[in-house]
Amino acid sequence: QSTRAARGNLWAAALLLGAIPFAKLQAAPLAAALGLLLVIQEYVAGRGKNTWLLLGVALIPTLLFTALVTVTGQAEQMLIPYFLQNTLYAQTGRLPLSLVVRQLGEQSVTNGYHALWLAGCAVFCGGAMVFLRRAPDLLRRYALAAAGLLIIALFCILSPGRPYHHYLNLLTLPLTLLTGVALGLGLA
C-alpha cells in the first residue's frame, strides 16, 4: 500500500526489534528478518532515507546496554552468563533433529489448545495455497514474506536441539501472518 507509516511508529518498531535479542537471544534471527522486511518496505515505498535511521534506532538498545554494563563494571558478568553460556548451551546436549521434531509434535498434540491452533492455521494456510496463483501480487508478496518468517522461526526453534515446548511460541507471529494472508486470499 502507498500509505505512509508515521515516523514514530517506524522508530518504535526498530527500537523494539533491536531490543529482542536481550529478551530472547534465540529470537534474534527472527527480529533481524522482521527488520529487513521493514527496511525493504520503506525502500520499495520510496522512503529509502528512512532505512539508515531505522538501522540506527535498532542499534540504540545494544549501544545503551553496552554503555551501561561498561560504566557499571558489569561487562564480564554480562559476557559470561549471557553470551558465552548461551553459546555453550547451543553447542552441547543437542538431541538429533528427528527426535526434537517428534517430541515437539507429541507435546503439541497433548496440549489441546495448541493442537487446535496449529490445526486451524494449517487449514487456513493450506486452503490459501489453492488460491495463491490467482492472488494479487501484494498478497503473494505478503505470503512469501510470512513463509520466510515461518522458516526462520522453525530454524530458531530447532537450532538449539532441544524439544522445549515454549520454543513453539516463536511460531505465533509467522503463522498468524500466514493465516491473515489466507483470510485475505479468501476475501480477494
N, C-alpha and C. Protein backbone atom coordinates (compact mmCIF):
# COMPACT_ATOMS: atom_id res chain seq x y z
N GLN A 1 0.83 -1.17 0.00
CA GLN A 1 0.00 0.00 0.00
C GLN A 1 0.87 1.23 0.00
N SER A 2 0.32 2.29 -0.46
CA SER A 2 1.11 3.51 -0.57
C SER A 2 0.95 4.42 0.64
N THR A 3 0.26 3.97 1.66
CA THR A 3 0.10 4.81 2.84
C THR A 3 1.44 4.95 3.55
N ARG A 4 1.63 6.08 4.14
CA ARG A 4 2.90 6.36 4.81
C ARG A 4 2.76 6.09 6.30
N ALA A 5 3.63 5.28 6.81
CA ALA A 5 3.64 4.99 8.25
C ALA A 5 4.19 6.20 9.00
N ALA A 6 3.65 6.45 10.16
CA ALA A 6 4.14 7.55 10.98
C ALA A 6 5.58 7.26 11.39
N ARG A 7 6.39 8.29 11.37
CA ARG A 7 7.81 8.12 11.69
C ARG A 7 8.01 7.55 13.09
N GLY A 8 7.17 7.97 14.04
CA GLY A 8 7.25 7.45 15.40
C GLY A 8 6.99 5.95 15.46
N ASN A 9 6.06 5.47 14.65
CA ASN A 9 5.77 4.03 14.61
C ASN A 9 6.96 3.26 14.04
N LEU A 10 7.60 3.81 13.01
CA LEU A 10 8.77 3.15 12.44
C LEU A 10 9.90 3.09 13.47
N TRP A 11 10.12 4.18 14.16
CA TRP A 11 11.18 4.21 15.17
C TRP A 11 10.87 3.25 16.31
N ALA A 12 9.62 3.22 16.73
CA ALA A 12 9.24 2.29 17.81
C ALA A 12 9.45 0.84 17.37
N ALA A 13 9.07 0.54 16.13
CA ALA A 13 9.25 -0.83 15.63
C ALA A 13 10.74 -1.18 15.59
N ALA A 14 11.56 -0.28 15.08
CA ALA A 14 13.01 -0.54 15.02
C ALA A 14 13.61 -0.68 16.42
N LEU A 15 13.19 0.18 17.33
CA LEU A 15 13.69 0.12 18.70
C LEU A 15 13.34 -1.22 19.36
N LEU A 16 12.10 -1.65 19.21
CA LEU A 16 11.67 -2.92 19.79
C LEU A 16 12.35 -4.11 19.14
N LEU A 17 12.51 -4.06 17.82
CA LEU A 17 13.22 -5.16 17.14
C LEU A 17 14.68 -5.22 17.60
N GLY A 18 15.29 -4.06 17.84
CA GLY A 18 16.66 -4.03 18.33
C GLY A 18 16.80 -4.55 19.74
N ALA A 19 15.72 -4.52 20.51
CA ALA A 19 15.76 -5.00 21.90
C ALA A 19 15.47 -6.50 22.01
N ILE A 20 14.95 -7.12 20.97
CA ILE A 20 14.56 -8.53 21.05
C ILE A 20 15.71 -9.45 21.48
N PRO A 21 16.93 -9.28 20.98
CA PRO A 21 17.99 -10.19 21.43
C PRO A 21 18.23 -10.17 22.94
N PHE A 22 17.86 -9.08 23.60
CA PHE A 22 18.03 -9.02 25.05
C PHE A 22 16.87 -9.67 25.79
N ALA A 23 15.76 -9.87 25.10
CA ALA A 23 14.63 -10.57 25.69
C ALA A 23 14.75 -12.07 25.46
N LYS A 24 15.12 -12.47 24.26
CA LYS A 24 15.26 -13.89 23.92
C LYS A 24 16.28 -13.96 22.79
N LEU A 25 17.51 -14.30 23.13
CA LEU A 25 18.59 -14.33 22.15
C LEU A 25 18.25 -15.27 20.99
N GLN A 26 17.53 -16.32 21.29
CA GLN A 26 17.14 -17.31 20.28
C GLN A 26 16.27 -16.68 19.18
N ALA A 27 15.57 -15.59 19.49
CA ALA A 27 14.69 -14.94 18.52
C ALA A 27 15.40 -13.87 17.70
N ALA A 28 16.69 -13.67 17.89
CA ALA A 28 17.42 -12.63 17.17
C ALA A 28 17.32 -12.79 15.64
N PRO A 29 17.43 -14.00 15.07
CA PRO A 29 17.28 -14.11 13.61
C PRO A 29 15.89 -13.68 13.13
N LEU A 30 14.88 -13.97 13.91
CA LEU A 30 13.52 -13.56 13.55
C LEU A 30 13.39 -12.04 13.60
N ALA A 31 13.98 -11.42 14.61
CA ALA A 31 13.97 -9.95 14.70
C ALA A 31 14.73 -9.33 13.54
N ALA A 32 15.86 -9.92 13.18
CA ALA A 32 16.64 -9.40 12.05
C ALA A 32 15.85 -9.50 10.75
N ALA A 33 15.14 -10.61 10.56
CA ALA A 33 14.32 -10.77 9.35
C ALA A 33 13.19 -9.76 9.32
N LEU A 34 12.54 -9.53 10.46
CA LEU A 34 11.47 -8.53 10.51
C LEU A 34 12.03 -7.13 10.23
N GLY A 35 13.20 -6.84 10.77
CA GLY A 35 13.84 -5.56 10.50
C GLY A 35 14.17 -5.39 9.02
N LEU A 36 14.65 -6.47 8.41
CA LEU A 36 14.95 -6.43 6.99
C LEU A 36 13.68 -6.19 6.17
N LEU A 37 12.58 -6.84 6.55
CA LEU A 37 11.31 -6.61 5.86
C LEU A 37 10.86 -5.15 6.01
N LEU A 38 11.08 -4.58 7.18
CA LEU A 38 10.73 -3.18 7.41
C LEU A 38 11.56 -2.25 6.53
N VAL A 39 12.84 -2.55 6.43
CA VAL A 39 13.73 -1.73 5.59
C VAL A 39 13.33 -1.87 4.12
N ILE A 40 13.04 -3.09 3.68
CA ILE A 40 12.62 -3.31 2.29
C ILE A 40 11.33 -2.56 2.00
N GLN A 41 10.38 -2.62 2.94
CA GLN A 41 9.11 -1.91 2.76
C GLN A 41 9.35 -0.41 2.57
N GLU A 42 10.21 0.16 3.39
CA GLU A 42 10.48 1.59 3.29
C GLU A 42 11.19 1.92 1.98
N TYR A 43 12.10 1.08 1.57
CA TYR A 43 12.84 1.32 0.34
C TYR A 43 11.92 1.22 -0.88
N VAL A 44 11.08 0.18 -0.91
CA VAL A 44 10.16 0.00 -2.03
C VAL A 44 9.14 1.13 -2.09
N ALA A 45 8.74 1.64 -0.95
CA ALA A 45 7.77 2.74 -0.89
C ALA A 45 8.40 4.08 -1.26
N GLY A 46 9.69 4.08 -1.59
CA GLY A 46 10.35 5.32 -1.99
C GLY A 46 10.84 6.16 -0.83
N ARG A 47 10.95 5.54 0.33
CA ARG A 47 11.43 6.26 1.51
C ARG A 47 12.76 5.66 1.97
N GLY A 48 13.67 5.53 1.04
CA GLY A 48 14.96 4.91 1.32
C GLY A 48 15.78 5.65 2.36
N LYS A 49 15.54 6.95 2.52
CA LYS A 49 16.32 7.71 3.51
C LYS A 49 15.99 7.25 4.93
N ASN A 50 14.82 6.64 5.13
CA ASN A 50 14.45 6.14 6.46
C ASN A 50 15.23 4.89 6.86
N THR A 51 15.83 4.21 5.90
CA THR A 51 16.47 2.93 6.23
C THR A 51 17.66 3.11 7.17
N TRP A 52 18.45 4.14 6.96
CA TRP A 52 19.60 4.36 7.85
C TRP A 52 19.14 4.78 9.24
N LEU A 53 18.07 5.56 9.29
CA LEU A 53 17.51 5.94 10.59
C LEU A 53 16.99 4.71 11.33
N LEU A 54 16.32 3.82 10.60
CA LEU A 54 15.81 2.60 11.23
C LEU A 54 16.95 1.75 11.78
N LEU A 55 18.02 1.61 11.01
CA LEU A 55 19.17 0.84 11.48
C LEU A 55 19.78 1.48 12.72
N GLY A 56 19.92 2.79 12.70
CA GLY A 56 20.47 3.49 13.87
C GLY A 56 19.61 3.33 15.10
N VAL A 57 18.30 3.45 14.94
CA VAL A 57 17.39 3.30 16.08
C VAL A 57 17.41 1.86 16.59
N ALA A 58 17.52 0.89 15.68
CA ALA A 58 17.58 -0.51 16.10
C ALA A 58 18.85 -0.81 16.91
N LEU A 59 19.90 -0.05 16.69
CA LEU A 59 21.15 -0.25 17.43
C LEU A 59 21.15 0.41 18.80
N ILE A 60 20.18 1.29 19.06
CA ILE A 60 20.15 2.01 20.35
C ILE A 60 20.12 1.06 21.55
N PRO A 61 19.28 0.01 21.58
CA PRO A 61 19.30 -0.87 22.76
C PRO A 61 20.67 -1.50 23.01
N THR A 62 21.33 -1.93 21.94
CA THR A 62 22.65 -2.55 22.09
C THR A 62 23.67 -1.53 22.59
N LEU A 63 23.66 -0.34 22.00
CA LEU A 63 24.61 0.69 22.43
C LEU A 63 24.36 1.12 23.87
N LEU A 64 23.10 1.30 24.21
CA LEU A 64 22.74 1.70 25.57
C LEU A 64 23.14 0.63 26.58
N PHE A 65 22.84 -0.61 26.25
CA PHE A 65 23.15 -1.71 27.15
C PHE A 65 24.66 -1.88 27.31
N THR A 66 25.38 -1.78 26.19
CA THR A 66 26.84 -1.90 26.25
C THR A 66 27.43 -0.79 27.10
N ALA A 67 26.95 0.42 26.92
CA ALA A 67 27.44 1.54 27.74
C ALA A 67 27.12 1.32 29.21
N LEU A 68 25.93 0.85 29.50
CA LEU A 68 25.51 0.64 30.88
C LEU A 68 26.37 -0.42 31.58
N VAL A 69 26.57 -1.57 30.94
CA VAL A 69 27.36 -2.61 31.60
C VAL A 69 28.83 -2.23 31.67
N THR A 70 29.30 -1.42 30.74
CA THR A 70 30.70 -0.98 30.79
C THR A 70 30.91 0.03 31.91
N VAL A 71 30.04 1.01 32.00
CA VAL A 71 30.16 2.06 33.01
C VAL A 71 30.02 1.48 34.42
N THR A 72 29.13 0.51 34.59
CA THR A 72 28.91 -0.08 35.91
C THR A 72 29.90 -1.20 36.24
N GLY A 73 30.79 -1.52 35.29
CA GLY A 73 31.78 -2.55 35.54
C GLY A 73 31.22 -3.97 35.49
N GLN A 74 30.12 -4.15 34.82
CA GLN A 74 29.46 -5.46 34.77
C GLN A 74 29.65 -6.17 33.42
N ALA A 75 30.57 -5.71 32.60
CA ALA A 75 30.75 -6.28 31.26
C ALA A 75 31.09 -7.77 31.32
N GLU A 76 31.99 -8.15 32.25
CA GLU A 76 32.36 -9.56 32.35
C GLU A 76 31.18 -10.40 32.82
N GLN A 77 30.41 -9.88 33.76
CA GLN A 77 29.25 -10.63 34.25
C GLN A 77 28.16 -10.72 33.18
N MET A 78 28.17 -9.82 32.25
CA MET A 78 27.22 -9.90 31.13
C MET A 78 27.73 -10.86 30.07
N LEU A 79 28.99 -10.77 29.76
CA LEU A 79 29.57 -11.58 28.70
C LEU A 79 29.48 -13.07 29.02
N ILE A 80 29.84 -13.44 30.23
CA ILE A 80 29.90 -14.87 30.56
C ILE A 80 28.51 -15.51 30.63
N PRO A 81 27.59 -15.02 31.47
CA PRO A 81 26.31 -15.74 31.55
C PRO A 81 25.41 -15.58 30.33
N TYR A 82 25.48 -14.44 29.67
CA TYR A 82 24.53 -14.24 28.59
C TYR A 82 25.04 -14.78 27.26
N PHE A 83 26.19 -14.35 26.83
CA PHE A 83 26.68 -14.77 25.51
C PHE A 83 27.40 -16.11 25.55
N LEU A 84 28.38 -16.24 26.43
CA LEU A 84 29.16 -17.48 26.43
C LEU A 84 28.33 -18.68 26.89
N GLN A 85 27.50 -18.49 27.91
CA GLN A 85 26.67 -19.60 28.38
C GLN A 85 25.64 -20.00 27.32
N ASN A 86 25.07 -19.02 26.62
CA ASN A 86 24.14 -19.35 25.54
C ASN A 86 24.84 -20.06 24.39
N THR A 87 26.07 -19.68 24.10
CA THR A 87 26.84 -20.37 23.07
C THR A 87 27.11 -21.81 23.48
N LEU A 88 27.52 -22.00 24.72
CA LEU A 88 27.77 -23.35 25.23
C LEU A 88 26.48 -24.17 25.21
N TYR A 89 25.38 -23.57 25.62
CA TYR A 89 24.09 -24.24 25.63
C TYR A 89 23.70 -24.73 24.24
N ALA A 90 23.95 -23.88 23.23
CA ALA A 90 23.57 -24.24 21.86
C ALA A 90 24.48 -25.31 21.28
N GLN A 91 25.68 -25.50 21.84
CA GLN A 91 26.63 -26.45 21.28
C GLN A 91 26.65 -27.79 21.99
N THR A 92 26.13 -27.87 23.20
CA THR A 92 26.19 -29.14 23.95
C THR A 92 24.80 -29.66 24.26
N GLY A 93 24.70 -30.96 24.42
CA GLY A 93 23.45 -31.58 24.83
C GLY A 93 22.38 -31.59 23.76
N ARG A 94 22.79 -31.50 22.53
CA ARG A 94 21.83 -31.46 21.43
C ARG A 94 21.28 -32.87 21.16
N LEU A 95 19.99 -32.91 20.90
CA LEU A 95 19.36 -34.16 20.50
C LEU A 95 19.30 -34.22 18.98
N PRO A 96 19.16 -35.41 18.41
CA PRO A 96 19.00 -35.49 16.95
C PRO A 96 17.75 -34.73 16.50
N LEU A 97 17.84 -34.13 15.34
CA LEU A 97 16.74 -33.30 14.82
C LEU A 97 15.43 -34.08 14.76
N SER A 98 15.48 -35.33 14.32
CA SER A 98 14.25 -36.12 14.20
C SER A 98 13.59 -36.32 15.56
N LEU A 99 14.38 -36.50 16.61
CA LEU A 99 13.84 -36.67 17.95
C LEU A 99 13.23 -35.36 18.47
N VAL A 100 13.88 -34.25 18.20
CA VAL A 100 13.36 -32.95 18.62
C VAL A 100 12.01 -32.68 17.95
N VAL A 101 11.95 -32.92 16.65
CA VAL A 101 10.70 -32.69 15.91
C VAL A 101 9.60 -33.61 16.43
N ARG A 102 9.92 -34.87 16.66
CA ARG A 102 8.92 -35.83 17.15
C ARG A 102 8.40 -35.42 18.53
N GLN A 103 9.32 -35.05 19.43
CA GLN A 103 8.90 -34.68 20.78
C GLN A 103 8.11 -33.38 20.80
N LEU A 104 8.50 -32.41 19.98
CA LEU A 104 7.72 -31.18 19.90
C LEU A 104 6.33 -31.46 19.35
N GLY A 105 6.24 -32.33 18.37
CA GLY A 105 4.94 -32.72 17.82
C GLY A 105 4.07 -33.41 18.85
N GLU A 106 4.66 -34.31 19.62
CA GLU A 106 3.90 -35.01 20.67
C GLU A 106 3.41 -34.03 21.74
N GLN A 107 4.27 -33.09 22.11
CA GLN A 107 3.87 -32.09 23.11
C GLN A 107 2.73 -31.22 22.58
N SER A 108 2.77 -30.89 21.30
CA SER A 108 1.73 -30.05 20.72
C SER A 108 0.40 -30.78 20.67
N VAL A 109 0.43 -32.07 20.38
CA VAL A 109 -0.81 -32.84 20.28
C VAL A 109 -1.44 -33.02 21.65
N THR A 110 -0.62 -33.18 22.68
CA THR A 110 -1.17 -33.38 24.03
C THR A 110 -1.72 -32.10 24.62
N ASN A 111 -1.30 -30.95 24.10
CA ASN A 111 -1.84 -29.67 24.56
C ASN A 111 -2.99 -29.32 23.61
N GLY A 112 -4.21 -29.51 24.04
CA GLY A 112 -5.38 -29.36 23.17
C GLY A 112 -5.49 -28.00 22.51
N TYR A 113 -5.27 -26.93 23.25
CA TYR A 113 -5.39 -25.60 22.66
C TYR A 113 -4.34 -25.36 21.59
N HIS A 114 -3.13 -25.78 21.86
CA HIS A 114 -2.06 -25.58 20.90
C HIS A 114 -2.29 -26.41 19.65
N ALA A 115 -2.73 -27.64 19.84
CA ALA A 115 -3.01 -28.51 18.70
C ALA A 115 -4.13 -27.92 17.85
N LEU A 116 -5.16 -27.40 18.49
CA LEU A 116 -6.27 -26.79 17.77
C LEU A 116 -5.82 -25.56 17.00
N TRP A 117 -4.99 -24.74 17.63
CA TRP A 117 -4.48 -23.54 16.96
C TRP A 117 -3.64 -23.92 15.74
N LEU A 118 -2.72 -24.88 15.91
CA LEU A 118 -1.89 -25.31 14.78
C LEU A 118 -2.73 -25.91 13.67
N ALA A 119 -3.74 -26.70 14.03
CA ALA A 119 -4.62 -27.30 13.01
C ALA A 119 -5.38 -26.20 12.27
N GLY A 120 -5.89 -25.22 12.99
CA GLY A 120 -6.59 -24.11 12.33
C GLY A 120 -5.69 -23.35 11.37
N CYS A 121 -4.46 -23.08 11.78
CA CYS A 121 -3.50 -22.40 10.91
C CYS A 121 -3.22 -23.26 9.67
N ALA A 122 -3.07 -24.55 9.87
CA ALA A 122 -2.79 -25.45 8.75
C ALA A 122 -3.94 -25.46 7.76
N VAL A 123 -5.16 -25.47 8.26
CA VAL A 123 -6.34 -25.47 7.38
C VAL A 123 -6.41 -24.17 6.59
N PHE A 124 -6.29 -23.03 7.28
CA PHE A 124 -6.36 -21.74 6.59
C PHE A 124 -5.21 -21.58 5.58
N CYS A 125 -4.00 -21.90 6.03
CA CYS A 125 -2.83 -21.71 5.16
C CYS A 125 -2.84 -22.70 4.00
N GLY A 126 -3.21 -23.94 4.27
CA GLY A 126 -3.31 -24.92 3.20
C GLY A 126 -4.37 -24.55 2.19
N GLY A 127 -5.50 -24.08 2.68
CA GLY A 127 -6.57 -23.63 1.78
C GLY A 127 -6.16 -22.43 0.96
N ALA A 128 -5.36 -21.56 1.55
CA ALA A 128 -4.92 -20.36 0.83
C ALA A 128 -4.00 -20.70 -0.32
N MET A 129 -3.21 -21.74 -0.16
CA MET A 129 -2.27 -22.11 -1.22
C MET A 129 -3.00 -22.48 -2.51
N VAL A 130 -4.23 -22.95 -2.37
CA VAL A 130 -5.03 -23.28 -3.54
C VAL A 130 -5.31 -22.03 -4.37
N PHE A 131 -5.51 -20.89 -3.69
CA PHE A 131 -5.87 -19.65 -4.37
C PHE A 131 -4.68 -18.73 -4.62
N LEU A 132 -3.48 -19.15 -4.23
CA LEU A 132 -2.32 -18.26 -4.30
C LEU A 132 -1.98 -17.85 -5.73
N ARG A 133 -2.17 -18.72 -6.69
CA ARG A 133 -1.83 -18.38 -8.08
C ARG A 133 -2.69 -17.24 -8.62
N ARG A 134 -3.93 -17.17 -8.14
CA ARG A 134 -4.84 -16.13 -8.63
C ARG A 134 -4.83 -14.90 -7.73
N ALA A 135 -3.94 -14.88 -6.78
CA ALA A 135 -3.91 -13.77 -5.82
C ALA A 135 -3.24 -12.54 -6.41
N PRO A 136 -3.62 -11.37 -5.93
CA PRO A 136 -2.91 -10.15 -6.35
C PRO A 136 -1.44 -10.22 -5.91
N ASP A 137 -0.60 -9.49 -6.62
CA ASP A 137 0.84 -9.50 -6.34
C ASP A 137 1.14 -9.14 -4.89
N LEU A 138 0.43 -8.18 -4.35
CA LEU A 138 0.69 -7.74 -2.98
C LEU A 138 0.47 -8.89 -2.00
N LEU A 139 -0.62 -9.63 -2.15
CA LEU A 139 -0.87 -10.76 -1.25
C LEU A 139 0.16 -11.87 -1.44
N ARG A 140 0.61 -12.06 -2.66
CA ARG A 140 1.65 -13.08 -2.89
C ARG A 140 2.95 -12.68 -2.20
N ARG A 141 3.28 -11.39 -2.25
CA ARG A 141 4.50 -10.93 -1.56
C ARG A 141 4.36 -11.10 -0.05
N TYR A 142 3.18 -10.78 0.48
CA TYR A 142 2.94 -10.98 1.91
C TYR A 142 3.05 -12.46 2.28
N ALA A 143 2.50 -13.32 1.44
CA ALA A 143 2.57 -14.76 1.70
C ALA A 143 4.03 -15.22 1.68
N LEU A 144 4.80 -14.74 0.73
CA LEU A 144 6.22 -15.10 0.66
C LEU A 144 6.98 -14.62 1.89
N ALA A 145 6.71 -13.38 2.31
CA ALA A 145 7.38 -12.84 3.49
C ALA A 145 7.00 -13.63 4.74
N ALA A 146 5.72 -13.95 4.89
CA ALA A 146 5.27 -14.72 6.06
C ALA A 146 5.84 -16.13 6.03
N ALA A 147 5.93 -16.74 4.85
CA ALA A 147 6.52 -18.08 4.74
C ALA A 147 8.01 -18.03 5.09
N GLY A 148 8.69 -16.96 4.66
CA GLY A 148 10.10 -16.80 5.03
C GLY A 148 10.27 -16.66 6.54
N LEU A 149 9.40 -15.88 7.16
CA LEU A 149 9.45 -15.74 8.63
C LEU A 149 9.17 -17.07 9.31
N LEU A 150 8.28 -17.87 8.74
CA LEU A 150 7.99 -19.19 9.31
C LEU A 150 9.22 -20.08 9.24
N ILE A 151 9.92 -20.05 8.14
CA ILE A 151 11.15 -20.86 8.00
C ILE A 151 12.20 -20.41 9.01
N ILE A 152 12.35 -19.11 9.18
CA ILE A 152 13.32 -18.59 10.15
C ILE A 152 12.91 -18.96 11.57
N ALA A 153 11.60 -18.89 11.87
CA ALA A 153 11.12 -19.28 13.20
C ALA A 153 11.39 -20.76 13.45
N LEU A 154 11.18 -21.59 12.44
CA LEU A 154 11.47 -23.02 12.60
C LEU A 154 12.96 -23.24 12.85
N PHE A 155 13.80 -22.49 12.17
CA PHE A 155 15.24 -22.57 12.42
C PHE A 155 15.55 -22.18 13.87
N CYS A 156 14.94 -21.10 14.35
CA CYS A 156 15.17 -20.65 15.73
C CYS A 156 14.71 -21.70 16.74
N ILE A 157 13.63 -22.39 16.42
CA ILE A 157 13.10 -23.42 17.33
C ILE A 157 13.97 -24.66 17.34
N LEU A 158 14.43 -25.07 16.18
CA LEU A 158 15.14 -26.34 16.07
C LEU A 158 16.65 -26.22 16.30
N SER A 159 17.21 -25.04 16.14
CA SER A 159 18.67 -24.91 16.22
C SER A 159 19.26 -25.27 17.59
N PRO A 160 18.60 -25.03 18.73
CA PRO A 160 19.21 -25.46 19.99
C PRO A 160 19.25 -26.98 20.16
N GLY A 161 18.43 -27.71 19.41
CA GLY A 161 18.45 -29.17 19.51
C GLY A 161 17.79 -29.69 20.77
N ARG A 162 16.81 -28.95 21.27
CA ARG A 162 16.09 -29.36 22.48
C ARG A 162 14.59 -29.20 22.24
N PRO A 163 13.80 -30.14 22.75
CA PRO A 163 12.36 -30.12 22.49
C PRO A 163 11.54 -29.36 23.53
N TYR A 164 11.91 -28.15 23.85
CA TYR A 164 11.17 -27.39 24.84
C TYR A 164 9.95 -26.73 24.20
N HIS A 165 8.81 -27.01 24.77
CA HIS A 165 7.54 -26.60 24.18
C HIS A 165 7.42 -25.08 24.05
N HIS A 166 7.99 -24.33 24.97
CA HIS A 166 7.85 -22.87 24.90
C HIS A 166 8.57 -22.29 23.68
N TYR A 167 9.49 -23.04 23.07
CA TYR A 167 10.13 -22.56 21.85
C TYR A 167 9.09 -22.36 20.74
N LEU A 168 8.01 -23.13 20.79
CA LEU A 168 6.98 -23.05 19.76
C LEU A 168 6.25 -21.70 19.78
N ASN A 169 6.44 -20.92 20.83
CA ASN A 169 5.85 -19.58 20.85
C ASN A 169 6.38 -18.71 19.71
N LEU A 170 7.56 -19.04 19.20
CA LEU A 170 8.12 -18.29 18.09
C LEU A 170 7.32 -18.49 16.80
N LEU A 171 6.45 -19.49 16.76
CA LEU A 171 5.60 -19.71 15.58
C LEU A 171 4.42 -18.76 15.53
N THR A 172 4.10 -18.13 16.63
CA THR A 172 2.89 -17.32 16.71
C THR A 172 2.85 -16.23 15.64
N LEU A 173 3.90 -15.44 15.52
CA LEU A 173 3.90 -14.34 14.56
C LEU A 173 3.80 -14.84 13.11
N PRO A 174 4.69 -15.71 12.65
CA PRO A 174 4.59 -16.08 11.24
C PRO A 174 3.30 -16.84 10.89
N LEU A 175 2.83 -17.69 11.79
CA LEU A 175 1.59 -18.41 11.48
C LEU A 175 0.38 -17.48 11.52
N THR A 176 0.40 -16.49 12.38
CA THR A 176 -0.68 -15.51 12.39
C THR A 176 -0.67 -14.69 11.10
N LEU A 177 0.51 -14.30 10.66
CA LEU A 177 0.61 -13.55 9.40
C LEU A 177 0.16 -14.41 8.22
N LEU A 178 0.58 -15.67 8.19
CA LEU A 178 0.14 -16.57 7.12
C LEU A 178 -1.37 -16.77 7.14
N THR A 179 -1.93 -16.90 8.33
CA THR A 179 -3.37 -17.05 8.43
C THR A 179 -4.08 -15.78 7.95
N GLY A 180 -3.53 -14.62 8.27
CA GLY A 180 -4.09 -13.37 7.77
C GLY A 180 -4.04 -13.29 6.27
N VAL A 181 -2.93 -13.72 5.67
CA VAL A 181 -2.83 -13.76 4.20
C VAL A 181 -3.86 -14.73 3.64
N ALA A 182 -4.03 -15.87 4.32
CA ALA A 182 -5.03 -16.85 3.86
C ALA A 182 -6.43 -16.25 3.89
N LEU A 183 -6.76 -15.55 4.95
CA LEU A 183 -8.06 -14.89 5.02
C LEU A 183 -8.19 -13.82 3.94
N GLY A 184 -7.09 -13.09 3.70
CA GLY A 184 -7.11 -12.08 2.65
C GLY A 184 -7.32 -12.69 1.27
N LEU A 185 -6.73 -13.85 1.06
CA LEU A 185 -6.93 -14.53 -0.23
C LEU A 185 -8.36 -14.98 -0.39
N GLY A 186 -8.98 -15.39 0.72
CA GLY A 186 -10.37 -15.81 0.66
C GLY A 186 -11.30 -14.66 0.34
N LEU A 187 -10.91 -13.45 0.75
CA LEU A 187 -11.74 -12.28 0.51
C LEU A 187 -11.44 -11.62 -0.84
N ALA A 188 -10.26 -11.92 -1.40
CA ALA A 188 -9.86 -11.28 -2.67
C ALA A 188 -10.58 -11.86 -3.86
